[in-house]
Amino acid sequence: MAVTASHTAPPGAVAPGSRTNRSPDAGFTSRAAAEAYVGGVCFKLGPPMLIGAELEWLTARGECSASRSRPDSTVLADALGPYAPQSISPDSPAVSLPGGSRVTLEPGGQIELSSAPFGTASQLCDRLRYDASLLRELLEFRGIRTISAAADPDREARRVLRLPRYRAMERSFSGIGPYGALMMCNTAAVQVSVDAGADADEVTARWTALYTFGPALLSAFACSPRLYGVPPGEWASQRMRTWLRLDNPRTRPPVHEWSDPITGYARWALDVPLLCVRSDGGDWAAPPGATFADWICGALDDEIGRRPSTVDLDYHLTTMFPPVRASGHLEVRYLDTQPGEGWTVPVHAVDALLSTPDVVAEATALTAYTAGRWSEAARHGLADPELRSAAVDLLELAAAHASTPEAAAELTAAALRCKRCLSPTEALESGGGA
């Protein structure tokens, strides 16, 4: 579901050098061995050089309106041809688009582009913009429209993908309320992926920064006030609301308690309940409430009949959905899909704010007073004076350290928009730019 910003691995792969010498189907003999494996796979060390992104759009048949019907997987596969993911076309070569992006699909038919990693944000945006244009042409030729919206306000949540993973997800989240189905089928995000860092200290600084300024950045780019089927309540980001209300053990790690994110993330991941256990059949069930650590220690021998392998743990790690996910690189997952081509602004913001250790430290210090205020950011966005002030300061800092004059101009415009307390959608509708 996200790009791999790795120095040695192609998009979507795990760098071979980050693994242990364990064979792919070997079991774990202890929790300590599993924690060490998670730390090595999820935090690949190396000088920060690369950036990637994932863009998501809602899709509809007919005119460009979310009230239209969802395209089914067969129509999507036909439209995408050789670029179709194997999730909807098992025999597809699933080749990358000319700009290096892979096409994937979310459960409700949302289309997404996962970029290749690039050395500069400008190059990333140029290639993604090219691939996005080609993707729109392919889909429009078959009567499918892409909609730049972070939440679907008009359609009931309905799955287009009928894969065992999403069946298990739907079953697991159904007891929590409507948020699981809404998240899966009716939301879209822009994700930015960056290298973790050269060593443990730099990883800690970059990880801490992304979490500390997260609420302010979420407020700056919140633009999904309406979502079909959500319980009553005014929220600036209904998309983020679904995550906050979804499955706290899986989506809300206790980051504030971690002095070492590499160790903390590994421990947390093993204590998150299993979403599913893959099998040859179509029902990927998991014992209710059982964690991966339970599986390792033998507590699930009767139910599952075997101990977990590295392949099982690799898959379990893809069922973690925190605001920032460690996947070798760091995935920033808390940003709404932006209207039009506004997605370039958060890409440039994250790039600039992590550009040097000094900027990382300054961004962390600037927004320390709003750290942890995820719910307020999702509910109130820029209407909260403290979050608005933090967002403005953050974007002005980003503009001052942008990699190009064009990026600086976008970030300056975004800071002015936040000062005016306008969401990206409101600014676009009023002709106010970013």
Protein backbone atom coordinates (compact mmCIF):
# COMPACT_ATOMS: atom_id res chain seq x y z
CA MET A 1 0.00 0.00 0.00
CA ALA A 2 2.98 2.29 -0.01
CA VAL A 3 6.17 3.04 -1.84
CA THR A 4 9.45 1.64 -0.59
CA ALA A 5 12.00 4.42 -0.33
CA SER A 6 14.96 2.10 -0.17
CA HIS A 7 18.50 2.56 -1.41
CA THR A 8 18.82 -1.03 -2.58
CA ALA A 9 15.35 -2.42 -3.15
CA PRO A 10 12.88 -1.75 -5.95
CA PRO A 11 9.48 -0.24 -5.09
CA GLY A 12 7.48 -2.56 -2.90
CA ALA A 13 10.44 -4.79 -1.97
CA VAL A 14 12.32 -5.25 1.27
CA ALA A 15 16.05 -4.67 0.95
CA PRO A 16 17.83 -8.03 1.16
CA GLY A 17 20.51 -6.57 3.37
CA SER A 18 17.97 -5.63 6.02
CA ARG A 19 16.92 -9.22 6.64
CA THR A 20 18.52 -11.77 8.86
CA ASN A 21 19.97 -14.97 7.40
CA ARG A 22 16.79 -16.80 8.36
CA SER A 23 15.16 -18.74 5.52
CA PRO A 24 11.76 -17.39 4.40
CA ASP A 25 9.78 -20.23 6.00
CA ALA A 26 11.76 -20.63 9.21
CA GLY A 27 9.93 -20.18 12.49
CA PHE A 28 10.90 -17.91 15.36
CA THR A 29 12.35 -19.49 18.48
CA SER A 30 11.79 -16.50 20.76
CA ARG A 31 10.14 -13.12 21.04
CA ALA A 32 13.59 -11.49 21.20
CA ALA A 33 14.47 -12.95 17.80
CA ALA A 34 11.20 -11.63 16.34
CA GLU A 35 11.78 -8.16 17.81
CA ALA A 36 15.28 -8.04 16.34
CA TYR A 37 13.86 -9.05 12.96
CA VAL A 38 11.20 -6.31 13.07
CA GLY A 39 13.77 -3.68 14.00
CA GLY A 40 15.97 -4.63 11.06
CA VAL A 41 13.19 -4.86 8.50
CA CYS A 42 11.19 -1.80 9.53
CA PHE A 43 14.08 0.61 10.05
CA LYS A 44 16.68 0.31 7.32
CA LEU A 45 19.62 2.54 8.16
CA GLY A 46 21.39 4.76 5.65
CA PRO A 47 21.92 8.46 4.93
CA PRO A 48 18.54 10.09 4.12
CA MET A 49 18.54 10.53 0.35
CA LEU A 50 15.22 9.41 -1.12
CA ILE A 51 11.58 10.44 -1.07
CA GLY A 52 8.48 8.73 -2.46
CA ALA A 53 4.75 9.21 -2.34
CA GLU A 54 1.46 7.44 -2.80
CA LEU A 55 -1.56 9.22 -4.25
CA GLU A 56 -5.10 7.93 -3.91
CA TRP A 57 -8.29 8.97 -5.69
CA LEU A 58 -11.90 7.92 -5.41
CA THR A 59 -13.27 6.48 -8.64
CA ALA A 60 -16.71 6.56 -10.28
CA ARG A 61 -18.39 5.53 -13.49
CA GLY A 62 -19.77 8.29 -15.69
CA GLU A 63 -19.52 11.98 -14.90
CA CYS A 64 -17.05 13.26 -12.35
CA SER A 65 -19.26 12.94 -9.31
CA ALA A 66 -18.87 10.72 -6.26
CA SER A 67 -22.61 10.01 -6.45
CA ARG A 68 -22.03 7.81 -9.51
CA SER A 69 -21.59 4.06 -9.28
CA ARG A 70 -18.27 2.45 -8.44
CA PRO A 71 -16.43 0.76 -11.30
CA ASP A 72 -16.13 -2.98 -10.79
CA SER A 73 -12.79 -4.77 -10.84
CA THR A 74 -13.30 -6.19 -14.33
CA VAL A 75 -13.83 -2.75 -15.85
CA LEU A 76 -10.83 -1.38 -13.98
CA ALA A 77 -8.62 -4.25 -15.13
CA ASP A 78 -9.69 -3.70 -18.72
CA ALA A 79 -8.97 0.02 -18.50
CA LEU A 80 -5.53 -0.44 -16.96
CA GLY A 81 -4.35 -3.20 -19.29
CA PRO A 82 -0.73 -4.19 -18.55
CA TYR A 83 -0.61 -1.72 -15.66
CA ALA A 84 -3.43 -3.49 -13.79
CA PRO A 85 -2.42 -4.87 -10.38
CA GLN A 86 -2.64 -8.62 -9.93
CA SER A 87 -5.24 -8.09 -7.22
CA ILE A 88 -7.78 -7.52 -10.00
CA SER A 89 -6.02 -9.26 -12.89
CA PRO A 90 -3.98 -12.26 -11.70
CA ASP A 91 -2.27 -12.75 -15.07
CA SER A 92 -1.34 -9.09 -15.49
CA PRO A 93 2.38 -8.25 -15.83
CA ALA A 94 1.59 -5.27 -13.56
CA VAL A 95 4.26 -3.13 -15.15
CA SER A 96 5.04 0.32 -13.83
CA LEU A 97 3.83 3.42 -15.60
CA PRO A 98 6.48 5.34 -17.61
CA GLY A 99 7.27 7.60 -14.65
CA GLY A 100 8.00 4.58 -12.45
CA SER A 101 4.72 4.47 -10.48
CA ARG A 102 2.86 1.25 -9.74
CA VAL A 103 -0.92 1.17 -9.90
CA THR A 104 -2.74 -0.49 -7.01
CA LEU A 105 -6.32 -0.59 -5.81
CA GLU A 106 -8.01 -0.07 -2.47
CA PRO A 107 -11.04 -2.11 -1.34
CA GLY A 108 -13.70 0.40 -2.43
CA GLY A 109 -12.24 0.91 -5.88
CA GLN A 110 -9.98 3.82 -4.94
CA ILE A 111 -7.12 3.94 -7.43
CA GLU A 112 -3.62 4.69 -6.21
CA LEU A 113 -0.19 5.40 -7.59
CA SER A 114 2.84 4.29 -5.59
CA SER A 115 5.86 6.15 -6.87
CA ALA A 116 9.39 4.96 -7.30
CA PRO A 117 11.82 6.57 -4.83
CA PHE A 118 13.60 9.68 -6.11
CA GLY A 119 16.49 11.82 -4.98
CA THR A 120 14.51 15.09 -5.00
CA ALA A 121 10.92 16.05 -4.29
CA SER A 122 10.77 18.00 -7.55
CA GLN A 123 11.70 14.95 -9.60
CA LEU A 124 9.19 12.89 -7.64
CA CYS A 125 6.39 15.39 -8.32
CA ASP A 126 7.25 15.66 -12.02
CA ARG A 127 7.16 11.87 -12.49
CA LEU A 128 4.01 11.42 -10.42
CA ARG A 129 2.27 14.23 -12.28
CA TYR A 130 3.10 12.56 -15.58
CA ASP A 131 1.90 9.15 -14.41
CA ALA A 132 -1.27 10.62 -12.89
CA SER A 133 -2.13 12.24 -16.22
CA LEU A 134 -1.63 8.96 -18.08
CA LEU A 135 -3.67 7.08 -15.48
CA ARG A 136 -6.58 9.50 -15.90
CA GLU A 137 -6.47 9.04 -19.67
CA LEU A 138 -6.53 5.24 -19.37
CA LEU A 139 -9.49 5.32 -17.01
CA GLU A 140 -11.46 8.01 -18.85
CA PHE A 141 -11.22 6.01 -22.06
CA ARG A 142 -13.37 3.38 -20.28
CA GLY A 143 -15.70 5.93 -18.68
CA ILE A 144 -14.05 5.92 -15.25
CA ARG A 145 -13.38 9.20 -13.48
CA THR A 146 -10.89 9.91 -10.71
CA ILE A 147 -12.07 12.23 -7.93
CA SER A 148 -9.57 14.22 -5.86
CA ALA A 149 -11.37 13.93 -2.54
CA ALA A 150 -10.30 12.46 0.79
CA ALA A 151 -13.79 11.22 1.71
CA ASP A 152 -16.78 10.03 -0.29
CA PRO A 153 -19.83 12.01 0.88
CA ASP A 154 -22.47 10.35 -1.32
CA ARG A 155 -22.07 6.58 -1.58
CA GLU A 156 -22.48 3.73 0.86
CA ALA A 157 -19.31 1.85 1.69
CA ARG A 158 -19.07 -1.13 -0.64
CA ARG A 159 -16.11 -3.32 -1.40
CA VAL A 160 -15.00 -3.81 -4.99
CA LEU A 161 -12.05 -6.05 -4.07
CA ARG A 162 -13.14 -9.50 -2.85
CA LEU A 163 -9.79 -10.67 -1.53
CA PRO A 164 -9.39 -12.69 1.70
CA ARG A 165 -7.34 -9.86 3.26
CA TYR A 166 -10.18 -7.37 2.97
CA ARG A 167 -12.79 -9.90 3.99
CA ALA A 168 -10.81 -10.47 7.19
CA MET A 169 -10.41 -6.73 7.68
CA GLU A 170 -14.12 -6.12 7.27
CA ARG A 171 -14.92 -8.86 9.77
CA SER A 172 -12.35 -7.64 12.28
CA PHE A 173 -13.51 -4.01 12.15
CA SER A 174 -17.25 -4.64 11.95
CA GLY A 175 -17.67 -4.83 15.72
CA ILE A 176 -16.21 -1.33 16.18
CA GLY A 177 -18.91 0.46 14.21
CA PRO A 178 -19.06 1.85 10.69
CA TYR A 179 -15.53 3.21 10.65
CA GLY A 180 -13.80 0.12 9.27
CA ALA A 181 -15.93 -0.14 6.15
CA LEU A 182 -15.81 3.64 5.64
CA MET A 183 -12.04 3.72 5.95
CA MET A 184 -11.62 0.83 3.53
CA CYS A 185 -14.06 1.98 0.86
CA ASN A 186 -14.79 5.71 1.22
CA THR A 187 -11.51 7.46 2.04
CA ALA A 188 -8.33 8.46 0.23
CA ALA A 189 -5.00 9.87 1.37
CA VAL A 190 -1.72 11.26 0.14
CA GLN A 191 1.21 9.48 1.73
CA VAL A 192 4.82 10.60 1.79
CA SER A 193 7.69 8.16 2.35
CA VAL A 194 11.16 9.16 3.53
CA ASP A 195 14.29 7.36 4.61
CA ALA A 196 14.44 6.43 8.29
CA GLY A 197 17.92 7.79 9.00
CA ALA A 198 21.62 6.97 9.06
CA ASP A 199 21.78 5.71 12.63
CA ALA A 200 19.60 5.16 15.68
CA ASP A 201 19.88 8.78 16.85
CA GLU A 202 18.82 10.19 13.50
CA VAL A 203 15.97 7.68 13.25
CA THR A 204 14.74 8.83 16.66
CA ALA A 205 14.93 12.51 15.66
CA ARG A 206 13.11 12.04 12.35
CA TRP A 207 10.49 9.71 13.83
CA THR A 208 9.87 12.10 16.73
CA ALA A 209 9.55 15.05 14.38
CA LEU A 210 7.00 13.34 12.13
CA TYR A 211 4.84 12.50 15.15
CA THR A 212 5.34 15.83 16.93
CA PHE A 213 4.37 18.06 14.02
CA GLY A 214 1.80 15.54 12.73
CA PRO A 215 -1.29 17.20 14.29
CA ALA A 216 -0.25 20.61 12.92
CA LEU A 217 0.36 19.21 9.44
CA LEU A 218 -2.90 17.26 9.60
CA SER A 219 -4.72 20.50 10.43
CA ALA A 220 -3.02 22.35 7.58
CA PHE A 221 -4.20 19.82 4.99
CA ALA A 222 -7.51 18.61 6.46
CA CYS A 223 -10.19 18.81 3.77
CA SER A 224 -12.77 16.07 4.28
CA PRO A 225 -15.65 17.54 6.31
CA ARG A 226 -18.27 15.21 4.78
CA LEU A 227 -18.36 11.41 4.71
CA TYR A 228 -21.36 9.24 3.91
CA GLY A 229 -22.66 7.09 6.76
CA VAL A 230 -20.48 8.53 9.50
CA PRO A 231 -22.14 9.22 12.88
CA PRO A 232 -23.13 12.88 13.40
CA GLY A 233 -20.35 15.30 14.21
CA GLU A 234 -18.49 18.15 12.53
CA TRP A 235 -14.93 17.18 11.67
CA ALA A 236 -12.35 18.90 9.49
CA SER A 237 -10.99 15.49 8.47
CA GLN A 238 -13.62 12.79 8.49
CA ARG A 239 -11.02 10.57 6.85
CA MET A 240 -8.73 10.85 9.87
CA ARG A 241 -11.74 10.40 12.15
CA THR A 242 -12.21 6.90 10.73
CA TRP A 243 -8.65 5.98 11.70
CA LEU A 244 -8.93 7.49 15.17
CA ARG A 245 -12.16 5.59 15.86
CA LEU A 246 -11.14 2.36 14.21
CA ASP A 247 -8.90 -0.02 16.16
CA ASN A 248 -6.73 1.70 18.73
CA PRO A 249 -4.29 -1.19 19.37
CA ARG A 250 -3.55 -1.24 15.63
CA THR A 251 -3.69 2.47 14.78
CA ARG A 252 -2.54 4.33 17.94
CA PRO A 253 0.91 3.16 19.11
CA PRO A 254 2.09 4.65 22.44
CA VAL A 255 4.84 6.61 20.71
CA HIS A 256 5.13 9.13 23.54
CA GLU A 257 6.47 6.32 25.75
CA TRP A 258 9.26 5.31 23.36
CA SER A 259 12.77 6.66 23.85
CA ASP A 260 13.92 4.30 21.09
CA PRO A 261 11.40 3.94 18.25
CA ILE A 262 13.18 0.94 16.74
CA THR A 263 12.77 -1.10 19.92
CA GLY A 264 9.38 0.40 20.76
CA TYR A 265 7.91 -0.28 17.34
CA ALA A 266 9.06 -3.91 17.41
CA ARG A 267 7.51 -4.53 20.82
CA TRP A 268 4.28 -2.81 19.84
CA ALA A 269 3.94 -4.73 16.58
CA LEU A 270 4.22 -8.09 18.31
CA ASP A 271 1.55 -7.11 20.84
CA VAL A 272 -1.01 -5.97 18.24
CA PRO A 273 -3.78 -8.57 17.79
CA LEU A 274 -3.60 -10.64 14.63
CA LEU A 275 -5.86 -9.27 11.91
CA CYS A 276 -5.78 -12.58 10.06
CA VAL A 277 -3.73 -15.69 9.44
CA ARG A 278 -3.26 -16.47 5.79
CA SER A 279 -4.25 -19.91 4.58
CA ASP A 280 -4.93 -21.77 1.34
CA GLY A 281 -8.66 -21.29 1.84
CA GLY A 282 -10.68 -18.13 1.43
CA ASP A 283 -11.25 -17.55 5.15
CA TRP A 284 -8.21 -15.95 6.75
CA ALA A 285 -9.46 -16.09 10.32
CA ALA A 286 -7.40 -15.40 13.43
CA PRO A 287 -8.14 -16.38 17.05
CA PRO A 288 -9.92 -13.35 18.58
CA GLY A 289 -7.62 -11.09 20.58
CA ALA A 290 -4.54 -13.24 19.97
CA THR A 291 -1.31 -11.38 19.27
CA PHE A 292 1.70 -12.26 17.17
CA ALA A 293 3.63 -12.73 20.40
CA ASP A 294 1.06 -15.32 21.49
CA TRP A 295 1.64 -17.16 18.24
CA ILE A 296 5.42 -17.16 18.75
CA CYS A 297 5.26 -18.58 22.27
CA GLY A 298 3.02 -21.49 21.28
CA ALA A 299 -0.25 -20.27 22.80
CA LEU A 300 -1.97 -20.73 19.42
CA ASP A 301 -0.59 -24.16 18.54
CA ASP A 302 -4.01 -25.79 18.85
CA GLU A 303 -5.84 -23.15 16.80
CA ILE A 304 -3.28 -22.56 14.04
CA GLY A 305 -1.25 -25.76 14.14
CA ARG A 306 2.15 -24.20 13.44
CA ARG A 307 4.49 -21.47 14.60
CA PRO A 308 4.87 -18.25 12.59
CA SER A 309 7.52 -17.75 9.91
CA THR A 310 9.23 -14.61 8.67
CA VAL A 311 6.65 -14.51 5.88
CA ASP A 312 3.88 -14.45 8.49
CA LEU A 313 5.57 -11.62 10.38
CA ASP A 314 6.20 -9.65 7.20
CA TYR A 315 2.49 -9.88 6.45
CA HIS A 316 1.48 -8.98 10.02
CA LEU A 317 3.53 -5.79 9.70
CA THR A 318 1.37 -4.73 6.74
CA THR A 319 -1.68 -4.83 9.01
CA MET A 320 -0.29 -2.04 11.24
CA PHE A 321 -1.90 1.33 10.47
CA PRO A 322 -0.31 4.01 12.69
CA PRO A 323 -0.07 7.68 11.65
CA VAL A 324 3.57 7.02 10.72
CA ARG A 325 4.39 3.45 9.71
CA ALA A 326 7.87 1.97 9.67
CA SER A 327 8.32 -0.11 6.52
CA GLY A 328 12.07 0.12 6.12
CA HIS A 329 11.42 3.77 5.38
CA LEU A 330 8.92 5.99 7.24
CA GLU A 331 5.42 6.37 5.75
CA VAL A 332 3.54 9.55 6.66
CA ARG A 333 -0.09 8.37 6.61
CA TYR A 334 -2.05 11.21 8.24
CA LEU A 335 -2.65 13.53 5.29
CA ASP A 336 -5.91 13.90 3.37
CA THR A 337 -5.97 13.59 -0.40
CA GLN A 338 -5.77 17.16 -1.67
CA PRO A 339 -8.02 18.80 -4.28
CA GLY A 340 -6.66 19.05 -7.81
CA GLU A 341 -2.88 18.85 -7.91
CA GLY A 342 -2.53 20.19 -4.38
CA TRP A 343 -0.83 16.95 -3.33
CA THR A 344 2.52 18.49 -4.27
CA VAL A 345 2.31 20.86 -1.29
CA PRO A 346 2.44 18.25 1.51
CA VAL A 347 5.15 16.38 -0.43
CA HIS A 348 7.31 19.52 -0.47
CA ALA A 349 6.44 20.25 3.17
CA VAL A 350 7.64 16.88 4.46
CA ASP A 351 10.72 17.06 2.24
CA ALA A 352 11.70 20.50 3.53
CA LEU A 353 10.94 19.80 7.19
CA LEU A 354 13.25 16.76 7.16
CA SER A 355 15.92 18.34 4.95
CA THR A 356 18.62 18.69 7.62
CA PRO A 357 19.04 17.67 11.27
CA ASP A 358 18.79 21.33 12.30
CA VAL A 359 15.48 21.80 10.49
CA VAL A 360 14.19 18.54 11.98
CA ALA A 361 15.02 19.84 15.46
CA GLU A 362 13.47 23.26 14.79
CA ALA A 363 10.26 21.75 13.40
CA THR A 364 9.99 19.52 16.46
CA ALA A 365 10.50 22.41 18.86
CA LEU A 366 8.07 24.68 16.98
CA THR A 367 5.19 22.24 17.31
CA ALA A 368 5.90 20.58 20.65
CA TYR A 369 2.91 22.34 22.24
CA THR A 370 0.47 20.68 19.82
CA ALA A 371 2.05 17.21 19.85
CA GLY A 372 -0.41 14.39 20.47
CA ARG A 373 -3.48 16.48 19.61
CA TRP A 374 -4.62 14.16 16.84
CA SER A 375 -8.31 14.20 17.73
CA GLU A 376 -8.46 18.00 17.98
CA ALA A 377 -6.63 18.34 14.68
CA ALA A 378 -8.99 15.96 12.90
CA ARG A 379 -12.09 17.53 14.47
CA HIS A 380 -11.29 21.24 14.37
CA GLY A 381 -8.42 21.59 11.91
CA LEU A 382 -7.40 25.21 11.45
CA ALA A 383 -10.34 26.44 13.54
CA ASP A 384 -8.26 25.58 16.61
CA PRO A 385 -6.06 28.68 17.20
CA GLU A 386 -3.06 26.76 18.56
CA LEU A 387 -3.09 24.23 15.75
CA ARG A 388 -3.51 27.01 13.18
CA SER A 389 -0.56 28.92 14.62
CA ALA A 390 1.57 25.74 14.65
CA ALA A 391 0.57 24.97 11.05
CA VAL A 392 1.52 28.47 9.88
CA ASP A 393 4.89 28.34 11.65
CA LEU A 394 5.58 24.90 10.26
CA LEU A 395 4.79 25.83 6.67
CA GLU A 396 6.80 29.04 6.90
CA LEU A 397 9.74 26.99 8.15
CA ALA A 398 9.24 24.56 5.29
CA ALA A 399 9.12 27.43 2.77
CA ALA A 400 12.40 28.79 4.13
CA HIS A 401 14.09 25.43 3.52
CA ALA A 402 12.35 24.32 0.34
CA SER A 403 14.52 22.71 -2.31
CA THR A 404 13.34 24.94 -5.19
CA PRO A 405 11.78 28.40 -5.61
CA GLU A 406 8.62 26.76 -6.96
CA ALA A 407 8.28 24.61 -3.85
CA ALA A 408 8.92 27.63 -1.63
CA ALA A 409 6.15 29.55 -3.40
CA GLU A 410 3.68 26.67 -2.90
CA LEU A 411 4.54 26.43 0.79
CA THR A 412 4.33 30.19 1.33
CA ALA A 413 0.88 30.21 -0.28
CA ALA A 414 -0.16 27.32 1.98
CA ALA A 415 1.02 29.23 5.06
CA LEU A 416 -1.03 32.27 4.00
CA ARG A 417 -4.04 30.03 3.42
CA CYS A 418 -3.72 28.66 6.93
CA LYS A 419 -3.48 32.19 8.35
CA ARG A 420 -6.81 32.89 6.68
CA CYS A 421 -8.21 29.71 8.26
CA LEU A 422 -9.09 28.19 4.90
CA SER A 423 -8.91 24.49 4.10
CA PRO A 424 -7.26 23.51 0.80
CA THR A 425 -10.70 22.96 -0.74
CA GLU A 426 -12.04 26.30 0.48
CA ALA A 427 -8.96 28.11 -0.83
CA LEU A 428 -9.27 26.45 -4.23
CA GLU A 429 -12.97 27.31 -4.48
CA SER A 430 -12.27 30.93 -3.54
CA GLY A 431 -9.39 31.20 -5.99
CA GLY A 432 -6.92 31.50 -3.13
CA GLY A 433 -4.39 28.96 -4.39
CA ALA A 434 -2.66 26.48 -2.07
